[in-house]
Each structure stands twice: as C-alpha cells, then as structure tokens.
Amino acid sequence: VRGARRNRGIGTRLLRFLESTTAKPLLVGTWATAFWAIAFYEKHGY
C-alpha cells in the first residue's frame, strides 16, 4: 500500500478479497525482520 495511504484498512480489504476468491490454503512469505508485515498477517489469523 502506498506509504501515504497505510493504516487505513486497504491491506485488510485486499487480503479479505483475495481470501474470498479461493478455497485453497493461503501461504505468505515475508522478511523475518519485517515485524509489521508479520503482525498484519497474524492479526488476520495467519
């Protein structure tokens, strides 16, 4: 999400939308030091 538009629910809406398009398990890879990305996905049950 563009830096100026972060923390406004855009990532959540995109994630929930993509989740709704598949019945398959979803995997996400990210950098181990990207604590904010890890926290985002954990907040959404990952």
All heavy atoms as atom14 arrays in JSON, in Angstrom:
{
  "sequence": "VRGARRNRGIGTRLLRFLESTTAKPLLVGTWATAFWAIAFYEKHGY",
  "atom14_mask": [
    [1, 1, 1, 1, 1, 1, 1, 0, 0, 0, 0, 0, 0, 0],
    [1, 1, 1, 1, 1, 1, 1, 1, 1, 1, 1, 0, 0, 0],
    [1, 1, 1, 1, 0, 0, 0, 0, 0, 0, 0, 0, 0, 0],
    [1, 1, 1, 1, 1, 0, 0, 0, 0, 0, 0, 0, 0, 0],
    [1, 1, 1, 1, 1, 1, 1, 1, 1, 1, 1, 0, 0, 0],
    [1, 1, 1, 1, 1, 1, 1, 1, 1, 1, 1, 0, 0, 0],
    [1, 1, 1, 1, 1, 1, 1, 1, 0, 0, 0, 0, 0, 0],
    [1, 1, 1, 1, 1, 1, 1, 1, 1, 1, 1, 0, 0, 0],
    [1, 1, 1, 1, 0, 0, 0, 0, 0, 0, 0, 0, 0, 0],
    [1, 1, 1, 1, 1, 1, 1, 1, 0, 0, 0, 0, 0, 0],
    [1, 1, 1, 1, 0, 0, 0, 0, 0, 0, 0, 0, 0, 0],
    [1, 1, 1, 1, 1, 1, 1, 0, 0, 0, 0, 0, 0, 0],
    [1, 1, 1, 1, 1, 1, 1, 1, 1, 1, 1, 0, 0, 0],
    [1, 1, 1, 1, 1, 1, 1, 1, 0, 0, 0, 0, 0, 0],
    [1, 1, 1, 1, 1, 1, 1, 1, 0, 0, 0, 0, 0, 0],
    [1, 1, 1, 1, 1, 1, 1, 1, 1, 1, 1, 0, 0, 0],
    [1, 1, 1, 1, 1, 1, 1, 1, 1, 1, 1, 0, 0, 0],
    [1, 1, 1, 1, 1, 1, 1, 1, 0, 0, 0, 0, 0, 0],
    [1, 1, 1, 1, 1, 1, 1, 1, 1, 0, 0, 0, 0, 0],
    [1, 1, 1, 1, 1, 1, 0, 0, 0, 0, 0, 0, 0, 0],
    [1, 1, 1, 1, 1, 1, 1, 0, 0, 0, 0, 0, 0, 0],
    [1, 1, 1, 1, 1, 1, 1, 0, 0, 0, 0, 0, 0, 0],
    [1, 1, 1, 1, 1, 0, 0, 0, 0, 0, 0, 0, 0, 0],
    [1, 1, 1, 1, 1, 1, 1, 1, 1, 0, 0, 0, 0, 0],
    [1, 1, 1, 1, 1, 1, 1, 0, 0, 0, 0, 0, 0, 0],
    [1, 1, 1, 1, 1, 1, 1, 1, 0, 0, 0, 0, 0, 0],
    [1, 1, 1, 1, 1, 1, 1, 1, 0, 0, 0, 0, 0, 0],
    [1, 1, 1, 1, 1, 1, 1, 0, 0, 0, 0, 0, 0, 0],
    [1, 1, 1, 1, 0, 0, 0, 0, 0, 0, 0, 0, 0, 0],
    [1, 1, 1, 1, 1, 1, 1, 0, 0, 0, 0, 0, 0, 0],
    [1, 1, 1, 1, 1, 1, 1, 1, 1, 1, 1, 1, 1, 1],
    [1, 1, 1, 1, 1, 0, 0, 0, 0, 0, 0, 0, 0, 0],
    [1, 1, 1, 1, 1, 1, 1, 0, 0, 0, 0, 0, 0, 0],
    [1, 1, 1, 1, 1, 0, 0, 0, 0, 0, 0, 0, 0, 0],
    [1, 1, 1, 1, 1, 1, 1, 1, 1, 1, 1, 0, 0, 0],
    [1, 1, 1, 1, 1, 1, 1, 1, 1, 1, 1, 1, 1, 1],
    [1, 1, 1, 1, 1, 0, 0, 0, 0, 0, 0, 0, 0, 0],
    [1, 1, 1, 1, 1, 1, 1, 1, 0, 0, 0, 0, 0, 0],
    [1, 1, 1, 1, 1, 0, 0, 0, 0, 0, 0, 0, 0, 0],
    [1, 1, 1, 1, 1, 1, 1, 1, 1, 1, 1, 0, 0, 0],
    [1, 1, 1, 1, 1, 1, 1, 1, 1, 1, 1, 1, 0, 0],
    [1, 1, 1, 1, 1, 1, 1, 1, 1, 0, 0, 0, 0, 0],
    [1, 1, 1, 1, 1, 1, 1, 1, 1, 0, 0, 0, 0, 0],
    [1, 1, 1, 1, 1, 1, 1, 1, 1, 1, 0, 0, 0, 0],
    [1, 1, 1, 1, 0, 0, 0, 0, 0, 0, 0, 0, 0, 0],
    [1, 1, 1, 1, 1, 1, 1, 1, 1, 1, 1, 1, 0, 0]
  ],
  "atom14_positions": [
    [[0.88, -1.18, 0.0], [0.0, 0.0, 0.0], [0.91, 1.22, 0.0], [1.92, 1.26, 0.71], [-0.93, 0.01, 1.23], [-1.74, 1.29, 1.31], [-1.84, -1.22, 1.21], [0.0, 0.0, 0.0], [0.0, 0.0, 0.0], [0.0, 0.0, 0.0], [0.0, 0.0, 0.0], [0.0, 0.0, 0.0], [0.0, 0.0, 0.0], [0.0, 0.0, 0.0]],
    [[0.56, 2.21, -0.81], [1.36, 3.44, -0.85], [1.59, 3.95, 0.57], [0.68, 3.94, 1.4], [0.65, 4.53, -1.65], [0.64, 4.29, -3.13], [0.07, 5.52, -3.86], [-0.19, 5.23, -5.25], [0.73, 5.31, -6.21], [1.95, 5.68, -5.93], [0.4, 5.04, -7.46], [0.0, 0.0, 0.0], [0.0, 0.0, 0.0], [0.0, 0.0, 0.0]],
    [[2.8, 4.43, 0.82], [3.16, 4.9, 2.15], [2.18, 5.9, 2.73], [1.82, 5.84, 3.91], [0.0, 0.0, 0.0], [0.0, 0.0, 0.0], [0.0, 0.0, 0.0], [0.0, 0.0, 0.0], [0.0, 0.0, 0.0], [0.0, 0.0, 0.0], [0.0, 0.0, 0.0], [0.0, 0.0, 0.0], [0.0, 0.0, 0.0], [0.0, 0.0, 0.0]],
    [[1.7, 6.81, 1.9], [0.78, 7.85, 2.38], [-0.61, 7.31, 2.69], [-1.41, 8.02, 3.31], [0.67, 8.96, 1.33], [0.0, 0.0, 0.0], [0.0, 0.0, 0.0], [0.0, 0.0, 0.0], [0.0, 0.0, 0.0], [0.0, 0.0, 0.0], [0.0, 0.0, 0.0], [0.0, 0.0, 0.0], [0.0, 0.0, 0.0], [0.0, 0.0, 0.0]],
    [[-0.91, 6.08, 2.29], [-2.26, 5.52, 2.49], [-2.28, 4.34, 3.46], [-3.3, 3.68, 3.62], [-2.83, 5.06, 1.14], [-2.9, 6.15, 0.08], [-3.87, 7.26, 0.4], [-5.2, 6.7, 0.55], [-6.11, 7.16, 1.4], [-5.85, 8.18, 2.17], [-7.28, 6.6, 1.48], [0.0, 0.0, 0.0], [0.0, 0.0, 0.0], [0.0, 0.0, 0.0]],
    [[-1.15, 4.07, 4.12], [-1.08, 2.94, 5.05], [-1.95, 3.15, 6.28], [-2.28, 4.27, 6.64], [0.37, 2.74, 5.52], [1.18, 2.01, 4.51], [2.48, 1.53, 5.13], [3.38, 1.25, 4.04], [4.53, 1.87, 3.82], [4.96, 2.79, 4.64], [5.26, 1.55, 2.79], [0.0, 0.0, 0.0], [0.0, 0.0, 0.0], [0.0, 0.0, 0.0]],
    [[-2.25, 2.03, 6.92], [-3.01, 2.02, 8.19], [-4.42, 2.58, 8.04], [-4.94, 3.21, 8.96], [-2.23, 2.74, 9.29], [-0.9, 2.07, 9.55], [-0.82, 0.85, 9.63], [0.15, 2.88, 9.62], [0.0, 0.0, 0.0], [0.0, 0.0, 0.0], [0.0, 0.0, 0.0], [0.0, 0.0, 0.0], [0.0, 0.0, 0.0], [0.0, 0.0, 0.0]],
    [[-5.02, 2.33, 6.89], [-6.4, 2.78, 6.65], [-7.3, 1.62, 6.21], [-8.36, 1.86, 5.67], [-6.42, 3.89, 5.61], [-5.64, 5.11, 6.09], [-5.72, 6.23, 5.14], [-4.84, 7.31, 5.61], [-4.72, 8.45, 5.0], [-5.41, 8.7, 3.92], [-3.91, 9.37, 5.47], [0.0, 0.0, 0.0], [0.0, 0.0, 0.0], [0.0, 0.0, 0.0]],
    [[-6.83, 0.39, 6.42], [-7.65, -0.78, 6.1], [-7.56, -1.29, 4.68], [-8.23, -2.25, 4.32], [0.0, 0.0, 0.0], [0.0, 0.0, 0.0], [0.0, 0.0, 0.0], [0.0, 0.0, 0.0], [0.0, 0.0, 0.0], [0.0, 0.0, 0.0], [0.0, 0.0, 0.0], [0.0, 0.0, 0.0], [0.0, 0.0, 0.0], [0.0, 0.0, 0.0]],
    [[-6.72, -0.69, 3.87], [-6.61, -1.1, 2.46], [-6.03, -2.5, 2.33], [-6.55, -3.34, 1.6], [-5.79, -0.06, 1.65], [-6.56, 1.27, 1.62], [-5.48, -0.57, 0.25], [-5.76, 2.45, 1.13], [0.0, 0.0, 0.0], [0.0, 0.0, 0.0], [0.0, 0.0, 0.0], [0.0, 0.0, 0.0], [0.0, 0.0, 0.0], [0.0, 0.0, 0.0]],
    [[-4.98, -2.78, 3.07], [-4.38, -4.11, 3.04], [-5.35, -5.17, 3.51], [-5.44, -6.26, 2.93], [0.0, 0.0, 0.0], [0.0, 0.0, 0.0], [0.0, 0.0, 0.0], [0.0, 0.0, 0.0], [0.0, 0.0, 0.0], [0.0, 0.0, 0.0], [0.0, 0.0, 0.0], [0.0, 0.0, 0.0], [0.0, 0.0, 0.0], [0.0, 0.0, 0.0]],
    [[-6.1, -4.86, 4.56], [-7.1, -5.8, 5.07], [-8.16, -6.09, 4.02], [-8.53, -7.24, 3.78], [-7.75, -5.25, 6.35], [-6.74, -5.14, 7.36], [-8.89, -6.14, 6.83], [0.0, 0.0, 0.0], [0.0, 0.0, 0.0], [0.0, 0.0, 0.0], [0.0, 0.0, 0.0], [0.0, 0.0, 0.0], [0.0, 0.0, 0.0], [0.0, 0.0, 0.0]],
    [[-8.65, -5.05, 3.36], [-9.68, -5.25, 2.32], [-9.14, -6.11, 1.17], [-9.83, -6.99, 0.67], [-10.19, -3.91, 1.81], [-11.05, -3.2, 2.83], [-11.64, -1.9, 2.27], [-11.97, -1.02, 3.36], [-11.31, 0.1, 3.66], [-10.29, 0.51, 2.94], [-11.68, 0.82, 4.68], [0.0, 0.0, 0.0], [0.0, 0.0, 0.0], [0.0, 0.0, 0.0]],
    [[-7.9, -5.83, 0.75], [-7.31, -6.63, -0.32], [-7.14, -8.08, 0.12], [-7.47, -9.01, -0.64], [-5.96, -6.04, -0.75], [-6.03, -4.81, -1.64], [-4.69, -4.1, -1.68], [-6.47, -5.19, -3.05], [0.0, 0.0, 0.0], [0.0, 0.0, 0.0], [0.0, 0.0, 0.0], [0.0, 0.0, 0.0], [0.0, 0.0, 0.0], [0.0, 0.0, 0.0]],
    [[-6.63, -8.3, 1.31], [-6.42, -9.66, 1.8], [-7.75, -10.42, 1.89], [-7.86, -11.55, 1.41], [-5.74, -9.64, 3.17], [-5.47, -11.01, 3.8], [-4.52, -11.84, 2.93], [-4.91, -10.85, 5.21], [0.0, 0.0, 0.0], [0.0, 0.0, 0.0], [0.0, 0.0, 0.0], [0.0, 0.0, 0.0], [0.0, 0.0, 0.0], [0.0, 0.0, 0.0]],
    [[-8.76, -9.81, 2.48], [-10.07, -10.47, 2.62], [-10.67, -10.76, 1.25], [-11.28, -11.82, 1.04], [-11.02, -9.63, 3.47], [-10.6, -9.51, 4.92], [-10.48, -10.87, 5.57], [-10.16, -10.75, 6.99], [-9.36, -11.57, 7.65], [-8.79, -12.58, 7.02], [-9.13, -11.4, 8.92], [0.0, 0.0, 0.0], [0.0, 0.0, 0.0], [0.0, 0.0, 0.0]],
    [[-10.48, -9.85, 0.31], [-10.99, -10.09, -1.04], [-10.31, -11.3, -1.66], [-10.98, -12.2, -2.19], [-10.8, -8.86, -1.94], [-11.25, -9.11, -3.34], [-12.59, -9.01, -3.68], [-10.33, -9.48, -4.33], [-13.02, -9.28, -4.98], [-10.75, -9.75, -5.62], [-12.09, -9.65, -5.95], [0.0, 0.0, 0.0], [0.0, 0.0, 0.0], [0.0, 0.0, 0.0]],
    [[-8.98, -11.35, -1.61], [-8.26, -12.48, -2.21], [-8.62, -13.78, -1.51], [-8.77, -14.82, -2.17], [-6.75, -12.23, -2.19], [-6.27, -11.14, -3.15], [-4.76, -11.0, -3.09], [-6.72, -11.39, -4.58], [0.0, 0.0, 0.0], [0.0, 0.0, 0.0], [0.0, 0.0, 0.0], [0.0, 0.0, 0.0], [0.0, 0.0, 0.0], [0.0, 0.0, 0.0]],
    [[-8.76, -13.74, -0.19], [-9.18, -14.95, 0.54], [-10.52, -15.47, 0.01], [-10.73, -16.68, -0.06], [-9.29, -14.66, 2.03], [-7.97, -14.47, 2.72], [-8.11, -13.98, 4.15], [-9.16, -13.39, 4.52], [-7.15, -14.17, 4.92], [0.0, 0.0, 0.0], [0.0, 0.0, 0.0], [0.0, 0.0, 0.0], [0.0, 0.0, 0.0], [0.0, 0.0, 0.0]],
    [[-11.41, -14.55, -0.35], [-12.75, -14.94, -0.81], [-12.74, -15.56, -2.2], [-13.75, -16.14, -2.61], [-13.69, -13.73, -0.79], [-13.44, -12.87, -1.89], [0.0, 0.0, 0.0], [0.0, 0.0, 0.0], [0.0, 0.0, 0.0], [0.0, 0.0, 0.0], [0.0, 0.0, 0.0], [0.0, 0.0, 0.0], [0.0, 0.0, 0.0], [0.0, 0.0, 0.0]],
    [[-11.62, -15.47, -2.91], [-11.58, -15.97, -4.28], [-11.06, -17.4, -4.4], [-11.0, -17.93, -5.5], [-10.72, -15.06, -5.19], [-9.35, -15.15, -4.78], [-11.21, -13.62, -5.15], [0.0, 0.0, 0.0], [0.0, 0.0, 0.0], [0.0, 0.0, 0.0], [0.0, 0.0, 0.0], [0.0, 0.0, 0.0], [0.0, 0.0, 0.0], [0.0, 0.0, 0.0]],
    [[-10.66, -18.01, -3.27], [-10.11, -19.35, -3.33], [-10.5, -20.15, -2.1], [-10.67, -19.57, -1.02], [-8.57, -19.32, -3.47], [-8.08, -20.66, -3.62], [-7.9, -18.67, -2.27], [0.0, 0.0, 0.0], [0.0, 0.0, 0.0], [0.0, 0.0, 0.0], [0.0, 0.0, 0.0], [0.0, 0.0, 0.0], [0.0, 0.0, 0.0], [0.0, 0.0, 0.0]],
    [[-10.62, -21.45, -2.28], [-10.85, -22.35, -1.16], [-9.54, -23.0, -0.72], [-9.5, -23.73, 0.26], [-11.86, -23.43, -1.55], [0.0, 0.0, 0.0], [0.0, 0.0, 0.0], [0.0, 0.0, 0.0], [0.0, 0.0, 0.0], [0.0, 0.0, 0.0], [0.0, 0.0, 0.0], [0.0, 0.0, 0.0], [0.0, 0.0, 0.0], [0.0, 0.0, 0.0]],
    [[-8.48, -22.72, -1.45], [-7.18, -23.32, -1.15], [-6.55, -22.66, 0.06], [-6.8, -21.48, 0.34], [-6.22, -23.14, -2.34], [-6.63, -23.91, -3.56], [-5.63, -23.68, -4.67], [-6.05, -24.41, -5.92], [-5.03, -24.3, -6.95], [0.0, 0.0, 0.0], [0.0, 0.0, 0.0], [0.0, 0.0, 0.0], [0.0, 0.0, 0.0], [0.0, 0.0, 0.0]],
    [[-5.69, -23.39, 0.76], [-4.91, -22.75, 1.83], [-4.03, -21.66, 1.22], [-3.55, -21.78, 0.09], [-4.04, -23.88, 2.38], [-4.69, -25.14, 1.92], [-5.39, -24.81, 0.63], [0.0, 0.0, 0.0], [0.0, 0.0, 0.0], [0.0, 0.0, 0.0], [0.0, 0.0, 0.0], [0.0, 0.0, 0.0], [0.0, 0.0, 0.0], [0.0, 0.0, 0.0]],
    [[-3.85, -20.57, 1.97], [-3.0, -19.47, 1.53], [-1.72, -19.44, 2.34], [-1.74, -19.64, 3.57], [-3.74, -18.14, 1.7], [-4.9, -17.92, 0.75], [-5.76, -16.75, 1.22], [-4.4, -17.66, -0.65], [0.0, 0.0, 0.0], [0.0, 0.0, 0.0], [0.0, 0.0, 0.0], [0.0, 0.0, 0.0], [0.0, 0.0, 0.0], [0.0, 0.0, 0.0]],
    [[-0.63, -19.18, 1.66], [0.67, -19.0, 2.31], [1.2, -17.62, 1.96], [0.98, -17.13, 0.85], [1.67, -20.05, 1.82], [1.34, -21.51, 2.11], [2.36, -22.43, 1.44], [1.29, -21.76, 3.62], [0.0, 0.0, 0.0], [0.0, 0.0, 0.0], [0.0, 0.0, 0.0], [0.0, 0.0, 0.0], [0.0, 0.0, 0.0], [0.0, 0.0, 0.0]],
    [[1.9, -17.04, 2.92], [2.51, -15.73, 2.74], [3.97, -15.85, 3.16], [4.27, -16.33, 4.25], [1.83, -14.66, 3.63], [2.51, -13.32, 3.44], [0.36, -14.57, 3.35], [0.0, 0.0, 0.0], [0.0, 0.0, 0.0], [0.0, 0.0, 0.0], [0.0, 0.0, 0.0], [0.0, 0.0, 0.0], [0.0, 0.0, 0.0], [0.0, 0.0, 0.0]],
    [[4.86, -15.4, 2.3], [6.27, -15.3, 2.66], [6.63, -13.85, 2.82], [6.19, -13.0, 2.05], [0.0, 0.0, 0.0], [0.0, 0.0, 0.0], [0.0, 0.0, 0.0], [0.0, 0.0, 0.0], [0.0, 0.0, 0.0], [0.0, 0.0, 0.0], [0.0, 0.0, 0.0], [0.0, 0.0, 0.0], [0.0, 0.0, 0.0], [0.0, 0.0, 0.0]],
    [[7.4, -13.55, 3.85], [7.87, -12.19, 4.04], [9.22, -12.23, 4.75], [9.68, -13.27, 5.2], [6.84, -11.32, 4.8], [7.24, -9.94, 4.7], [6.71, -11.72, 6.26], [0.0, 0.0, 0.0], [0.0, 0.0, 0.0], [0.0, 0.0, 0.0], [0.0, 0.0, 0.0], [0.0, 0.0, 0.0], [0.0, 0.0, 0.0], [0.0, 0.0, 0.0]],
    [[9.84, -11.08, 4.83], [11.14, -10.97, 5.5], [10.96, -11.2, 7.0], [10.03, -10.68, 7.61], [11.74, -9.6, 5.25], [11.99, -9.32, 3.82], [11.26, -8.53, 2.98], [13.04, -9.85, 3.01], [11.79, -8.53, 1.72], [12.9, -9.34, 1.71], [14.11, -10.72, 3.28], [13.76, -9.66, 0.68], [14.98, -11.04, 2.24], [14.8, -10.52, 0.96]],
    [[11.87, -11.94, 7.6], [11.8, -12.22, 9.04], [11.9, -10.96, 9.88], [11.37, -10.91, 10.99], [12.92, -13.2, 9.42], [0.0, 0.0, 0.0], [0.0, 0.0, 0.0], [0.0, 0.0, 0.0], [0.0, 0.0, 0.0], [0.0, 0.0, 0.0], [0.0, 0.0, 0.0], [0.0, 0.0, 0.0], [0.0, 0.0, 0.0], [0.0, 0.0, 0.0]],
    [[12.53, -9.92, 9.35], [12.68, -8.66, 10.1], [11.57, -7.66, 9.83], [11.56, -6.58, 10.41], [14.04, -8.01, 9.77], [14.15, -7.89, 8.34], [15.19, -8.85, 10.31], [0.0, 0.0, 0.0], [0.0, 0.0, 0.0], [0.0, 0.0, 0.0], [0.0, 0.0, 0.0], [0.0, 0.0, 0.0], [0.0, 0.0, 0.0], [0.0, 0.0, 0.0]],
    [[10.63, -8.02, 8.96], [9.51, -7.12, 8.65], [8.4, -7.35, 9.68], [7.34, -7.89, 9.39], [9.01, -7.35, 7.23], [0.0, 0.0, 0.0], [0.0, 0.0, 0.0], [0.0, 0.0, 0.0], [0.0, 0.0, 0.0], [0.0, 0.0, 0.0], [0.0, 0.0, 0.0], [0.0, 0.0, 0.0], [0.0, 0.0, 0.0], [0.0, 0.0, 0.0]],
    [[8.65, -6.93, 10.91], [7.76, -7.18, 12.03], [6.34, -6.68, 11.77], [5.37, -7.29, 12.19], [8.32, -6.57, 13.31], [8.5, -5.09, 13.24], [7.47, -4.23, 13.57], [9.71, -4.54, 12.8], [7.63, -2.86, 13.48], [9.87, -3.16, 12.71], [8.82, -2.32, 13.05], [0.0, 0.0, 0.0], [0.0, 0.0, 0.0], [0.0, 0.0, 0.0]],
    [[6.2, -5.56, 11.06], [4.87, -5.0, 10.78], [4.08, -5.9, 9.84], [2.87, -6.05, 9.99], [4.96, -3.58, 10.22], [5.66, -3.53, 8.88], [5.08, -3.62, 7.65], [7.07, -3.43, 8.66], [6.05, -3.57, 6.66], [7.29, -3.46, 7.26], [8.17, -3.32, 9.5], [8.55, -3.38, 6.69], [9.44, -3.24, 8.92], [9.61, -3.27, 7.54]],
    [[4.75, -6.52, 8.86], [4.07, -7.42, 7.94], [3.64, -8.7, 8.67], [2.5, -9.16, 8.5], [4.98, -7.76, 6.75], [0.0, 0.0, 0.0], [0.0, 0.0, 0.0], [0.0, 0.0, 0.0], [0.0, 0.0, 0.0], [0.0, 0.0, 0.0], [0.0, 0.0, 0.0], [0.0, 0.0, 0.0], [0.0, 0.0, 0.0], [0.0, 0.0, 0.0]],
    [[4.52, -9.23, 9.48], [4.19, -10.43, 10.25], [3.0, -10.13, 11.17], [2.04, -10.91, 11.22], [5.41, -10.91, 11.05], [6.52, -11.37, 10.09], [5.03, -12.04, 12.02], [7.88, -11.55, 10.73], [0.0, 0.0, 0.0], [0.0, 0.0, 0.0], [0.0, 0.0, 0.0], [0.0, 0.0, 0.0], [0.0, 0.0, 0.0], [0.0, 0.0, 0.0]],
    [[3.03, -9.01, 11.85], [1.94, -8.63, 12.76], [0.63, -8.47, 11.99], [-0.45, -8.85, 12.49], [2.29, -7.35, 13.51], [0.0, 0.0, 0.0], [0.0, 0.0, 0.0], [0.0, 0.0, 0.0], [0.0, 0.0, 0.0], [0.0, 0.0, 0.0], [0.0, 0.0, 0.0], [0.0, 0.0, 0.0], [0.0, 0.0, 0.0], [0.0, 0.0, 0.0]],
    [[0.68, -7.91, 10.79], [-0.52, -7.73, 9.97], [-1.18, -9.08, 9.71], [-2.39, -9.25, 9.92], [-0.16, -7.04, 8.64], [-1.27, -7.03, 7.63], [-2.3, -6.09, 7.72], [-1.31, -7.96, 6.6], [-3.34, -6.09, 6.79], [-2.34, -7.97, 5.67], [-3.36, -7.02, 5.77], [0.0, 0.0, 0.0], [0.0, 0.0, 0.0], [0.0, 0.0, 0.0]],
    [[-0.4, -10.04, 9.24], [-0.98, -11.35, 8.92], [-1.43, -12.09, 10.18], [-2.49, -12.73, 10.17], [-0.01, -12.18, 8.07], [0.14, -11.6, 6.68], [1.29, -10.93, 6.31], [-0.9, -11.7, 5.77], [1.41, -10.37, 5.04], [-0.8, -11.14, 4.5], [0.36, -10.48, 4.15], [0.46, -9.93, 2.89], [0.0, 0.0, 0.0], [0.0, 0.0, 0.0]],
    [[-0.67, -12.01, 11.25], [-1.08, -12.65, 12.5], [-2.4, -12.05, 13.01], [-3.27, -12.78, 13.5], [0.01, -12.53, 13.56], [1.19, -13.43, 13.27], [2.3, -13.34, 14.29], [2.5, -12.25, 14.89], [2.99, -14.36, 14.49], [0.0, 0.0, 0.0], [0.0, 0.0, 0.0], [0.0, 0.0, 0.0], [0.0, 0.0, 0.0], [0.0, 0.0, 0.0]],
    [[-2.56, -10.75, 12.87], [-3.8, -10.08, 13.27], [-5.0, -10.65, 12.5], [-6.13, -10.65, 13.01], [-3.67, -8.58, 13.03], [-4.92, -7.77, 13.34], [-4.66, -6.29, 13.16], [-5.09, -5.88, 11.78], [-5.02, -4.43, 11.54], [0.0, 0.0, 0.0], [0.0, 0.0, 0.0], [0.0, 0.0, 0.0], [0.0, 0.0, 0.0], [0.0, 0.0, 0.0]],
    [[-4.74, -11.14, 11.31], [-5.8, -11.69, 10.47], [-5.87, -13.22, 10.55], [-6.45, -13.86, 9.68], [-5.63, -11.21, 9.02], [-5.9, -9.75, 8.91], [-4.91, -8.8, 9.03], [-7.05, -9.06, 8.74], [-5.44, -7.61, 8.93], [-6.74, -7.73, 8.75], [0.0, 0.0, 0.0], [0.0, 0.0, 0.0], [0.0, 0.0, 0.0], [0.0, 0.0, 0.0]],
    [[-5.27, -13.78, 11.59], [-5.4, -15.21, 11.86], [-4.36, -16.11, 11.24], [-4.42, -17.33, 11.4], [0.0, 0.0, 0.0], [0.0, 0.0, 0.0], [0.0, 0.0, 0.0], [0.0, 0.0, 0.0], [0.0, 0.0, 0.0], [0.0, 0.0, 0.0], [0.0, 0.0, 0.0], [0.0, 0.0, 0.0], [0.0, 0.0, 0.0], [0.0, 0.0, 0.0]],
    [[-3.39, -15.56, 10.54], [-2.34, -16.38, 9.93], [-1.35, -16.81, 11.01], [-1.08, -16.05, 11.94], [-1.62, -15.6, 8.83], [-2.46, -15.47, 7.57], [-3.63, -14.72, 7.56], [-2.08, -16.12, 6.4], [-4.41, -14.62, 6.41], [-2.85, -16.02, 5.25], [-4.02, -15.27, 5.27], [-4.79, -15.18, 4.14], [0.0, 0.0, 0.0], [0.0, 0.0, 0.0]]
  ]
}
